[in-house]
Amino acid sequence: MPIWLSELHSFLELSWVLFLLPAIFIFYLRKDYLALRFVCITSAFFLFGAFIYEPLKALDKGINIYRYVVWAFNDIAWMALIAYLGLKDKVYLWQSVLGQLVVIMAPILQLFRVVDRHLWDLSYSTLMYKTLLPLINISTVVVCYLPLIYILVKNKEYPINSKYKNSPPLK
């Protein structure tokens, strides 16, 4: 395997985009452009976060403030863009609202981490941060797949029990 391919693969694993690539492909083939827009915007923000991760940590070495503020701003910008597109009927409104409800905890958690570590000089947020942030990211990926899950559940035919199929009418 070429080194550039393995680096690309490790980068995609870091950014959660690897999980969203099948959704992008499926929504493109189904021509579900509302869901495709939502997934592509989410992927772009995940990629942006992955691109700035190392430089931001290097810039913020020893201070540990800027990274949380930038990541909180990134989440707020995603929420604002998704809300705008939801209101303009460019993404599903229900998906926009659900995505914002999932992600709203992320900027709050980022800013709480700053206050906890620097203003209060405590470490209460460490366990919450390491537990809730991955759950928020996983939930965001699930919200990206919800239109596909909805389609699969909607089109599912329920089997009819054979003993009731030919029963005589009631009198």
C-alpha atoms as a PDB file:
ATOM      1  CA  MET A   1       0.000   0.000   0.000  1.00  0.00           C
ATOM      2  CA  PRO A   2       1.467   3.381  -0.940  1.00  0.00           C
ATOM      3  CA  ILE A   3       2.322   5.660   1.968  1.00  0.00           C
ATOM      4  CA  TRP A   4       0.044   8.451   0.740  1.00  0.00           C
ATOM      5  CA  LEU A   5      -2.899   6.049   0.704  1.00  0.00           C
ATOM      6  CA  SER A   6      -2.250   4.893   4.247  1.00  0.00           C
ATOM      7  CA  GLU A   7      -1.916   8.525   5.397  1.00  0.00           C
ATOM      8  CA  LEU A   8      -5.190   9.397   3.677  1.00  0.00           C
ATOM      9  CA  HIS A   9      -6.863   6.424   5.338  1.00  0.00           C
ATOM     10  CA  SER A  10      -5.587   7.395   8.795  1.00  0.00           C
ATOM     11  CA  PHE A  11      -6.684  10.986   8.209  1.00  0.00           C
ATOM     12  CA  LEU A  12     -10.179   9.884   7.214  1.00  0.00           C
ATOM     13  CA  GLU A  13     -10.392   7.663  10.288  1.00  0.00           C
ATOM     14  CA  LEU A  14      -9.550  10.672  12.443  1.00  0.00           C
ATOM     15  CA  SER A  15     -12.261  12.835  10.900  1.00  0.00           C
ATOM     16  CA  TRP A  16     -15.397  10.607  10.996  1.00  0.00           C
ATOM     17  CA  VAL A  17     -15.753  11.194   7.251  1.00  0.00           C
ATOM     18  CA  LEU A  18     -14.957   7.558   6.582  1.00  0.00           C
ATOM     19  CA  PHE A  19     -18.288   6.685   8.202  1.00  0.00           C
ATOM     20  CA  LEU A  20     -20.124   9.253   6.083  1.00  0.00           C
ATOM     21  CA  LEU A  21     -18.722   8.221   2.686  1.00  0.00           C
ATOM     22  CA  PRO A  22     -21.319   5.439   2.184  1.00  0.00           C
ATOM     23  CA  ALA A  23     -24.123   7.903   2.987  1.00  0.00           C
ATOM     24  CA  ILE A  24     -22.763  10.387   0.452  1.00  0.00           C
ATOM     25  CA  PHE A  25     -22.605   7.673  -2.180  1.00  0.00           C
ATOM     26  CA  ILE A  26     -26.091   6.291  -1.430  1.00  0.00           C
ATOM     27  CA  PHE A  27     -27.820   9.684  -1.305  1.00  0.00           C
ATOM     28  CA  TYR A  28     -26.119  10.688  -4.538  1.00  0.00           C
ATOM     29  CA  LEU A  29     -27.328   7.538  -6.280  1.00  0.00           C
ATOM     30  CA  ARG A  30     -30.848   7.975  -4.895  1.00  0.00           C
ATOM     31  CA  LYS A  31     -30.806  11.644  -5.940  1.00  0.00           C
ATOM     32  CA  ASP A  32     -31.887  12.666  -2.446  1.00  0.00           C
ATOM     33  CA  TYR A  33     -30.223  16.061  -2.608  1.00  0.00           C
ATOM     34  CA  LEU A  34     -31.593  17.326   0.706  1.00  0.00           C
ATOM     35  CA  ALA A  35     -29.980  14.472   2.617  1.00  0.00           C
ATOM     36  CA  LEU A  36     -26.867  14.680   0.431  1.00  0.00           C
ATOM     37  CA  ARG A  37     -26.395  18.359   1.287  1.00  0.00           C
ATOM     38  CA  PHE A  38     -26.709  17.640   4.998  1.00  0.00           C
ATOM     39  CA  VAL A  39     -24.172  14.807   4.852  1.00  0.00           C
ATOM     40  CA  CYS A  40     -21.726  16.782   2.687  1.00  0.00           C
ATOM     41  CA  ILE A  41     -21.840  19.819   4.969  1.00  0.00           C
ATOM     42  CA  THR A  42     -21.351  17.628   8.018  1.00  0.00           C
ATOM     43  CA  SER A  43     -18.446  15.875   6.285  1.00  0.00           C
ATOM     44  CA  ALA A  44     -16.885  19.217   5.371  1.00  0.00           C
ATOM     45  CA  PHE A  45     -17.018  20.369   8.981  1.00  0.00           C
ATOM     46  CA  PHE A  46     -15.576  17.050  10.185  1.00  0.00           C
ATOM     47  CA  LEU A  47     -12.771  17.402   7.615  1.00  0.00           C
ATOM     48  CA  PHE A  48     -12.127  20.995   8.666  1.00  0.00           C
ATOM     49  CA  GLY A  49     -11.861  19.848  12.273  1.00  0.00           C
ATOM     50  CA  ALA A  50      -9.408  17.133  11.269  1.00  0.00           C
ATOM     51  CA  PHE A  51      -7.315  19.580   9.224  1.00  0.00           C
ATOM     52  CA  ILE A  52      -6.992  22.098  12.043  1.00  0.00           C
ATOM     53  CA  TYR A  53      -6.561  19.539  14.842  1.00  0.00           C
ATOM     54  CA  GLU A  54      -2.758  19.232  14.850  1.00  0.00           C
ATOM     55  CA  PRO A  55      -1.922  22.881  13.998  1.00  0.00           C
ATOM     56  CA  LEU A  56      -4.374  24.103  16.614  1.00  0.00           C
ATOM     57  CA  LYS A  57      -2.919  21.844  19.298  1.00  0.00           C
ATOM     58  CA  ALA A  58       0.578  23.045  18.375  1.00  0.00           C
ATOM     59  CA  LEU A  59      -0.530  26.680  18.531  1.00  0.00           C
ATOM     60  CA  ASP A  60      -2.313  26.129  21.812  1.00  0.00           C
ATOM     61  CA  LYS A  61       0.537  24.233  23.498  1.00  0.00           C
ATOM     62  CA  GLY A  62       0.458  24.903  27.230  1.00  0.00           C
ATOM     63  CA  ILE A  63      -2.452  27.369  27.050  1.00  0.00           C
ATOM     64  CA  ASN A  64      -5.299  24.975  26.191  1.00  0.00           C
ATOM     65  CA  ILE A  65      -7.872  27.704  25.611  1.00  0.00           C
ATOM     66  CA  TYR A  66      -7.924  28.483  21.912  1.00  0.00           C
ATOM     67  CA  ARG A  67      -8.621  24.943  20.765  1.00  0.00           C
ATOM     68  CA  TYR A  68     -11.840  24.701  22.749  1.00  0.00           C
ATOM     69  CA  VAL A  69     -13.031  28.115  21.602  1.00  0.00           C
ATOM     70  CA  VAL A  70     -12.289  27.286  17.942  1.00  0.00           C
ATOM     71  CA  TRP A  71     -13.993  23.890  18.197  1.00  0.00           C
ATOM     72  CA  ALA A  72     -17.021  25.492  19.892  1.00  0.00           C
ATOM     73  CA  PHE A  73     -17.155  28.087  17.110  1.00  0.00           C
ATOM     74  CA  ASN A  74     -16.917  25.294  14.526  1.00  0.00           C
ATOM     75  CA  ASP A  75     -19.921  23.548  16.081  1.00  0.00           C
ATOM     76  CA  ILE A  76     -21.911  26.784  16.284  1.00  0.00           C
ATOM     77  CA  ALA A  77     -21.080  27.589  12.651  1.00  0.00           C
ATOM     78  CA  TRP A  78     -22.274  24.121  11.594  1.00  0.00           C
ATOM     79  CA  MET A  79     -25.501  24.592  13.539  1.00  0.00           C
ATOM     80  CA  ALA A  80     -26.086  28.029  12.014  1.00  0.00           C
ATOM     81  CA  LEU A  81     -25.476  26.801   8.465  1.00  0.00           C
ATOM     82  CA  ILE A  82     -27.719  23.768   8.919  1.00  0.00           C
ATOM     83  CA  ALA A  83     -30.457  25.948  10.459  1.00  0.00           C
ATOM     84  CA  TYR A  84     -30.261  28.389   7.552  1.00  0.00           C
ATOM     85  CA  LEU A  85     -30.404  25.613   4.971  1.00  0.00           C
ATOM     86  CA  GLY A  86     -33.263  23.966   6.835  1.00  0.00           C
ATOM     87  CA  LEU A  87     -35.271  27.182   6.744  1.00  0.00           C
ATOM     88  CA  LYS A  88     -34.535  27.631   3.025  1.00  0.00           C
ATOM     89  CA  ASP A  89     -35.648  24.031   2.293  1.00  0.00           C
ATOM     90  CA  LYS A  90     -32.179  22.993   1.147  1.00  0.00           C
ATOM     91  CA  VAL A  91     -31.962  20.203   3.770  1.00  0.00           C
ATOM     92  CA  TYR A  92     -34.733  18.342   5.548  1.00  0.00           C
ATOM     93  CA  LEU A  93     -36.083  20.572   8.307  1.00  0.00           C
ATOM     94  CA  TRP A  94     -36.605  17.652  10.670  1.00  0.00           C
ATOM     95  CA  GLN A  95     -33.017  16.526  10.096  1.00  0.00           C
ATOM     96  CA  SER A  96     -31.770  20.067  10.671  1.00  0.00           C
ATOM     97  CA  VAL A  97     -33.636  20.374  13.963  1.00  0.00           C
ATOM     98  CA  LEU A  98     -32.565  16.934  15.136  1.00  0.00           C
ATOM     99  CA  GLY A  99     -28.944  17.605  14.197  1.00  0.00           C
ATOM    100  CA  GLN A 100     -28.959  20.862  16.137  1.00  0.00           C
ATOM    101  CA  LEU A 101     -30.482  19.173  19.172  1.00  0.00           C
ATOM    102  CA  VAL A 102     -27.708  16.592  19.074  1.00  0.00           C
ATOM    103  CA  VAL A 103     -24.855  19.058  18.530  1.00  0.00           C
ATOM    104  CA  ILE A 104     -26.005  21.815  20.928  1.00  0.00           C
ATOM    105  CA  MET A 105     -24.258  20.052  23.778  1.00  0.00           C
ATOM    106  CA  ALA A 106     -20.853  20.144  22.020  1.00  0.00           C
ATOM    107  CA  PRO A 107     -20.150  23.919  22.188  1.00  0.00           C
ATOM    108  CA  ILE A 108     -21.526  24.022  25.731  1.00  0.00           C
ATOM    109  CA  LEU A 109     -19.185  21.191  26.660  1.00  0.00           C
ATOM    110  CA  GLN A 110     -16.210  22.881  24.936  1.00  0.00           C
ATOM    111  CA  LEU A 111     -16.768  26.158  26.760  1.00  0.00           C
ATOM    112  CA  PHE A 112     -17.385  24.373  30.062  1.00  0.00           C
ATOM    113  CA  ARG A 113     -14.031  22.650  29.560  1.00  0.00           C
ATOM    114  CA  VAL A 114     -12.300  26.046  29.238  1.00  0.00           C
ATOM    115  CA  VAL A 115     -13.984  27.408  32.351  1.00  0.00           C
ATOM    116  CA  ASP A 116     -13.355  24.211  34.297  1.00  0.00           C
ATOM    117  CA  ARG A 117      -9.660  23.987  33.459  1.00  0.00           C
ATOM    118  CA  HIS A 118      -8.683  27.658  33.586  1.00  0.00           C
ATOM    119  CA  LEU A 119     -11.106  29.642  35.682  1.00  0.00           C
ATOM    120  CA  TRP A 120     -11.883  27.080  38.342  1.00  0.00           C
ATOM    121  CA  ASP A 121      -8.620  25.132  37.949  1.00  0.00           C
ATOM    122  CA  LEU A 122     -10.475  21.850  38.370  1.00  0.00           C
ATOM    123  CA  SER A 123     -10.840  18.748  36.248  1.00  0.00           C
ATOM    124  CA  TYR A 124     -14.530  17.973  36.505  1.00  0.00           C
ATOM    125  CA  SER A 125     -15.000  18.172  32.773  1.00  0.00           C
ATOM    126  CA  THR A 126     -12.361  15.591  31.834  1.00  0.00           C
ATOM    127  CA  LEU A 127     -14.568  12.526  32.139  1.00  0.00           C
ATOM    128  CA  MET A 128     -17.614  14.273  30.664  1.00  0.00           C
ATOM    129  CA  TYR A 129     -15.552  15.604  27.763  1.00  0.00           C
ATOM    130  CA  LYS A 130     -14.012  12.241  26.908  1.00  0.00           C
ATOM    131  CA  THR A 131     -17.362  10.479  27.151  1.00  0.00           C
ATOM    132  CA  LEU A 132     -19.912  12.910  25.731  1.00  0.00           C
ATOM    133  CA  LEU A 133     -17.978  14.345  22.787  1.00  0.00           C
ATOM    134  CA  PRO A 134     -17.555  10.976  21.008  1.00  0.00           C
ATOM    135  CA  LEU A 135     -21.223  10.215  21.712  1.00  0.00           C
ATOM    136  CA  ILE A 136     -22.205  13.553  20.163  1.00  0.00           C
ATOM    137  CA  ASN A 137     -20.106  12.797  17.072  1.00  0.00           C
ATOM    138  CA  ILE A 138     -21.595   9.312  16.765  1.00  0.00           C
ATOM    139  CA  SER A 139     -25.094  10.742  17.136  1.00  0.00           C
ATOM    140  CA  THR A 140     -24.345  13.293  14.425  1.00  0.00           C
ATOM    141  CA  VAL A 141     -23.326  10.486  12.072  1.00  0.00           C
ATOM    142  CA  VAL A 142     -26.553   8.640  12.938  1.00  0.00           C
ATOM    143  CA  VAL A 143     -28.574  11.782  12.121  1.00  0.00           C
ATOM    144  CA  CYS A 144     -26.848  11.835   8.734  1.00  0.00           C
ATOM    145  CA  TYR A 145     -28.132   8.304   8.052  1.00  0.00           C
ATOM    146  CA  LEU A 146     -31.699   8.901   9.283  1.00  0.00           C
ATOM    147  CA  PRO A 147     -33.199   9.637   5.826  1.00  0.00           C
ATOM    148  CA  LEU A 148     -31.900   6.276   4.637  1.00  0.00           C
ATOM    149  CA  ILE A 149     -33.250   4.509   7.714  1.00  0.00           C
ATOM    150  CA  TYR A 150     -36.599   6.237   7.167  1.00  0.00           C
ATOM    151  CA  ILE A 151     -36.705   5.025   3.564  1.00  0.00           C
ATOM    152  CA  LEU A 152     -35.869   1.454   4.582  1.00  0.00           C
ATOM    153  CA  VAL A 153     -38.519   1.371   7.296  1.00  0.00           C
ATOM    154  CA  LYS A 154     -41.161   3.069   5.126  1.00  0.00           C
ATOM    155  CA  ASN A 155     -40.703   0.662   2.216  1.00  0.00           C
ATOM    156  CA  LYS A 156     -40.587  -2.440   4.368  1.00  0.00           C
ATOM    157  CA  GLU A 157     -43.523  -4.731   3.764  1.00  0.00           C
ATOM    158  CA  TYR A 158     -44.802  -6.576   6.779  1.00  0.00           C
ATOM    159  CA  PRO A 159     -45.435 -10.272   6.166  1.00  0.00           C
ATOM    160  CA  ILE A 160     -49.008 -11.426   6.493  1.00  0.00           C
ATOM    161  CA  ASN A 161     -49.585 -14.504   8.586  1.00  0.00           C
ATOM    162  CA  SER A 162     -50.746 -17.272   6.228  1.00  0.00           C
ATOM    163  CA  LYS A 163     -53.480 -18.669   8.490  1.00  0.00           C
ATOM    164  CA  TYR A 164     -55.353 -15.334   8.392  1.00  0.00           C
ATOM    165  CA  LYS A 165     -54.849 -14.764   4.693  1.00  0.00           C
ATOM    166  CA  ASN A 166     -57.760 -16.896   3.489  1.00  0.00           C
ATOM    167  CA  SER A 167     -60.043 -16.713   6.481  1.00  0.00           C
ATOM    168  CA  PRO A 168     -63.771 -16.448   5.772  1.00  0.00           C
ATOM    169  CA  PRO A 169     -65.458 -13.079   6.323  1.00  0.00           C
ATOM    170  CA  LEU A 170     -67.157 -12.474   9.627  1.00  0.00           C
ATOM    171  CA  LYS A 171     -70.968 -12.515   9.716  1.00  0.00           C
END
